Amino acid sequence: MSDSIRIAAGKVQGQVTSPAFKPTQQSTIQLAQPVQEQSAAPKIDPQKMADQLKEIVEQMNRQMKETNRDLGFAIDDRINTFIVTVRNTNTGEVIRQIPNEVVVNMAHSIEDLKGVLFNETL
């Protein structure tokens, strides 16, 4: 098998000869233009993402209600985390919360102390 390839001015020209493939003329392939560099940081809209997350939580809550499951989903904006609650369907009593209510309260307390514990101004 003999191969010959020629590259000139953004074009690749090649000729391949083998017993299985015998072209009658040279083949020319146009290469794509080089990709220009784009900014490394993707454009993310935090408000749009927060709205989408809230919509997802609402959809999950509706679906749980439709299937007669007493699971509740919520987003705690103060500590920026999801909270899942499992309730007794008869009494409405919270059987379990993930993360635990004590952990959420502790995270709220730490969030309140952030400015007190560390102040960037000297």
C-alpha atoms as a PDB file:
ATOM      1  CA  MET A   1       0.000   0.000   0.000  1.00  0.00           C
ATOM      2  CA  SER A   2       1.399   3.449  -0.820  1.00  0.00           C
ATOM      3  CA  ASP A   3       0.073   6.660   0.705  1.00  0.00           C
ATOM      4  CA  SER A   4       0.882  10.252  -0.107  1.00  0.00           C
ATOM      5  CA  ILE A   5      -0.517  13.293   1.678  1.00  0.00           C
ATOM      6  CA  ARG A   6       0.142  16.933   0.911  1.00  0.00           C
ATOM      7  CA  ILE A   7      -0.842  19.878   3.145  1.00  0.00           C
ATOM      8  CA  ALA A   8      -0.917  23.368   1.704  1.00  0.00           C
ATOM      9  CA  ALA A   9      -2.828  26.558   2.628  1.00  0.00           C
ATOM     10  CA  GLY A  10      -5.390  24.924   4.932  1.00  0.00           C
ATOM     11  CA  LYS A  11      -6.140  22.014   2.578  1.00  0.00           C
ATOM     12  CA  VAL A  12      -5.192  18.394   2.874  1.00  0.00           C
ATOM     13  CA  GLN A  13      -4.696  16.562  -0.356  1.00  0.00           C
ATOM     14  CA  GLY A  14      -4.115  12.878  -0.330  1.00  0.00           C
ATOM     15  CA  GLN A  15      -3.926   9.914  -2.569  1.00  0.00           C
ATOM     16  CA  VAL A  16      -4.297   6.400  -1.273  1.00  0.00           C
ATOM     17  CA  THR A  17      -3.617   3.349  -3.367  1.00  0.00           C
ATOM     18  CA  SER A  18      -4.321  -0.147  -2.182  1.00  0.00           C
ATOM     19  CA  PRO A  19      -5.743  -3.302  -3.730  1.00  0.00           C
ATOM     20  CA  ALA A  20      -9.142  -2.656  -2.044  1.00  0.00           C
ATOM     21  CA  PHE A  21      -9.353   1.080  -2.792  1.00  0.00           C
ATOM     22  CA  LYS A  22      -8.251   2.622  -6.058  1.00  0.00           C
ATOM     23  CA  PRO A  23      -9.332   6.252  -6.480  1.00  0.00           C
ATOM     24  CA  THR A  24      -9.450   7.697  -9.962  1.00  0.00           C
ATOM     25  CA  GLN A  25      -8.365  11.174  -8.884  1.00  0.00           C
ATOM     26  CA  GLN A  26      -6.854  13.033  -5.940  1.00  0.00           C
ATOM     27  CA  SER A  27      -9.106  13.683  -2.968  1.00  0.00           C
ATOM     28  CA  THR A  28      -9.208  17.138  -1.380  1.00  0.00           C
ATOM     29  CA  ILE A  29     -10.479  17.813   2.133  1.00  0.00           C
ATOM     30  CA  GLN A  30     -11.059  21.350   3.439  1.00  0.00           C
ATOM     31  CA  LEU A  31      -9.998  21.729   7.077  1.00  0.00           C
ATOM     32  CA  ALA A  32     -12.118  23.701   9.502  1.00  0.00           C
ATOM     33  CA  GLN A  33     -10.893  27.159  10.380  1.00  0.00           C
ATOM     34  CA  PRO A  34      -9.046  27.389  13.712  1.00  0.00           C
ATOM     35  CA  VAL A  35     -11.295  28.061  16.675  1.00  0.00           C
ATOM     36  CA  GLN A  36     -10.763  31.458  18.232  1.00  0.00           C
ATOM     37  CA  GLU A  37     -10.114  31.491  21.929  1.00  0.00           C
ATOM     38  CA  GLN A  38     -13.143  32.209  24.044  1.00  0.00           C
ATOM     39  CA  SER A  39     -13.186  33.443  27.585  1.00  0.00           C
ATOM     40  CA  ALA A  40     -12.479  30.633  30.055  1.00  0.00           C
ATOM     41  CA  ALA A  41     -15.261  31.560  32.475  1.00  0.00           C
ATOM     42  CA  PRO A  42     -18.718  30.352  31.463  1.00  0.00           C
ATOM     43  CA  LYS A  43     -21.496  32.911  31.672  1.00  0.00           C
ATOM     44  CA  ILE A  44     -23.674  31.859  34.592  1.00  0.00           C
ATOM     45  CA  ASP A  45     -26.615  33.817  35.889  1.00  0.00           C
ATOM     46  CA  PRO A  46     -26.934  33.026  39.629  1.00  0.00           C
ATOM     47  CA  GLN A  47     -30.475  34.404  39.830  1.00  0.00           C
ATOM     48  CA  LYS A  48     -31.608  32.246  36.914  1.00  0.00           C
ATOM     49  CA  MET A  49     -30.042  29.165  38.521  1.00  0.00           C
ATOM     50  CA  ALA A  50     -31.724  29.917  41.849  1.00  0.00           C
ATOM     51  CA  ASP A  51     -35.090  30.318  40.102  1.00  0.00           C
ATOM     52  CA  GLN A  52     -34.599  27.009  38.290  1.00  0.00           C
ATOM     53  CA  LEU A  53     -33.732  25.240  41.556  1.00  0.00           C
ATOM     54  CA  LYS A  54     -36.839  26.655  43.230  1.00  0.00           C
ATOM     55  CA  GLU A  55     -38.976  25.449  40.321  1.00  0.00           C
ATOM     56  CA  ILE A  56     -37.451  21.963  40.592  1.00  0.00           C
ATOM     57  CA  VAL A  57     -38.177  21.864  44.325  1.00  0.00           C
ATOM     58  CA  GLU A  58     -41.787  22.902  43.676  1.00  0.00           C
ATOM     59  CA  GLN A  59     -42.166  20.183  41.026  1.00  0.00           C
ATOM     60  CA  MET A  60     -40.768  17.560  43.405  1.00  0.00           C
ATOM     61  CA  ASN A  61     -43.140  18.654  46.162  1.00  0.00           C
ATOM     62  CA  ARG A  62     -46.124  18.481  43.772  1.00  0.00           C
ATOM     63  CA  GLN A  63     -45.105  15.022  42.639  1.00  0.00           C
ATOM     64  CA  MET A  64     -44.747  13.781  46.227  1.00  0.00           C
ATOM     65  CA  LYS A  65     -48.195  15.164  47.047  1.00  0.00           C
ATOM     66  CA  GLU A  66     -49.739  13.479  43.976  1.00  0.00           C
ATOM     67  CA  THR A  67     -48.270  10.098  44.968  1.00  0.00           C
ATOM     68  CA  ASN A  68     -49.496  10.459  48.583  1.00  0.00           C
ATOM     69  CA  ARG A  69     -45.994  10.587  49.985  1.00  0.00           C
ATOM     70  CA  ASP A  70     -45.300  13.036  52.733  1.00  0.00           C
ATOM     71  CA  LEU A  71     -41.814  14.089  51.696  1.00  0.00           C
ATOM     72  CA  GLY A  72     -41.013  17.758  51.615  1.00  0.00           C
ATOM     73  CA  PHE A  73     -38.159  19.423  49.771  1.00  0.00           C
ATOM     74  CA  ALA A  74     -36.912  22.934  50.448  1.00  0.00           C
ATOM     75  CA  ILE A  75     -33.917  25.173  49.870  1.00  0.00           C
ATOM     76  CA  ASP A  76     -32.496  27.096  52.804  1.00  0.00           C
ATOM     77  CA  ASP A  77     -31.272  30.310  51.170  1.00  0.00           C
ATOM     78  CA  ARG A  78     -29.429  31.427  54.271  1.00  0.00           C
ATOM     79  CA  ILE A  79     -27.013  28.481  54.250  1.00  0.00           C
ATOM     80  CA  ASN A  80     -27.539  27.592  50.587  1.00  0.00           C
ATOM     81  CA  THR A  81     -28.493  23.931  51.047  1.00  0.00           C
ATOM     82  CA  PHE A  82     -31.359  21.554  50.404  1.00  0.00           C
ATOM     83  CA  ILE A  83     -33.561  20.292  53.223  1.00  0.00           C
ATOM     84  CA  VAL A  84     -35.663  17.130  53.025  1.00  0.00           C
ATOM     85  CA  THR A  85     -38.393  16.437  55.587  1.00  0.00           C
ATOM     86  CA  VAL A  86     -40.288  13.193  56.129  1.00  0.00           C
ATOM     87  CA  ARG A  87     -43.649  13.624  57.847  1.00  0.00           C
ATOM     88  CA  ASN A  88     -46.253  11.311  59.330  1.00  0.00           C
ATOM     89  CA  THR A  89     -49.181  11.475  56.900  1.00  0.00           C
ATOM     90  CA  ASN A  90     -51.776  11.163  59.702  1.00  0.00           C
ATOM     91  CA  THR A  91     -50.430  13.649  62.228  1.00  0.00           C
ATOM     92  CA  GLY A  92     -48.164  15.890  60.114  1.00  0.00           C
ATOM     93  CA  GLU A  93     -45.375  15.357  62.665  1.00  0.00           C
ATOM     94  CA  VAL A  94     -41.840  15.572  61.269  1.00  0.00           C
ATOM     95  CA  ILE A  95     -40.344  12.086  61.499  1.00  0.00           C
ATOM     96  CA  ARG A  96     -36.975  12.977  60.045  1.00  0.00           C
ATOM     97  CA  GLN A  97     -35.236  16.003  58.555  1.00  0.00           C
ATOM     98  CA  ILE A  98     -32.083  15.862  56.456  1.00  0.00           C
ATOM     99  CA  PRO A  99     -29.894  17.648  57.428  1.00  0.00           C
ATOM    100  CA  ASN A 100     -31.031  17.483  61.022  1.00  0.00           C
ATOM    101  CA  GLU A 101     -32.680  20.580  62.534  1.00  0.00           C
ATOM    102  CA  VAL A 102     -29.807  20.935  65.011  1.00  0.00           C
ATOM    103  CA  VAL A 103     -27.277  20.978  62.164  1.00  0.00           C
ATOM    104  CA  VAL A 104     -29.313  23.591  60.270  1.00  0.00           C
ATOM    105  CA  ASN A 105     -29.551  25.794  63.392  1.00  0.00           C
ATOM    106  CA  MET A 106     -25.800  25.458  63.969  1.00  0.00           C
ATOM    107  CA  ALA A 107     -25.124  26.407  60.339  1.00  0.00           C
ATOM    108  CA  HIS A 108     -27.365  29.468  60.754  1.00  0.00           C
ATOM    109  CA  SER A 109     -25.403  30.456  63.880  1.00  0.00           C
ATOM    110  CA  ILE A 110     -22.082  30.073  62.044  1.00  0.00           C
ATOM    111  CA  GLU A 111     -23.460  32.135  59.168  1.00  0.00           C
ATOM    112  CA  ASP A 112     -24.425  34.881  61.642  1.00  0.00           C
ATOM    113  CA  LEU A 113     -20.914  34.879  63.136  1.00  0.00           C
ATOM    114  CA  LYS A 114     -19.021  35.106  59.849  1.00  0.00           C
ATOM    115  CA  GLY A 115     -18.544  38.859  59.999  1.00  0.00           C
ATOM    116  CA  VAL A 116     -17.611  38.733  63.691  1.00  0.00           C
ATOM    117  CA  LEU A 117     -15.036  35.932  63.398  1.00  0.00           C
ATOM    118  CA  PHE A 118     -13.224  37.287  60.362  1.00  0.00           C
ATOM    119  CA  ASN A 119     -13.066  40.878  59.302  1.00  0.00           C
ATOM    120  CA  GLU A 120     -10.947  41.705  56.232  1.00  0.00           C
ATOM    121  CA  THR A 121     -10.314  45.334  57.168  1.00  0.00           C
ATOM    122  CA  LEU A 122      -7.171  45.857  59.226  1.00  0.00           C
END
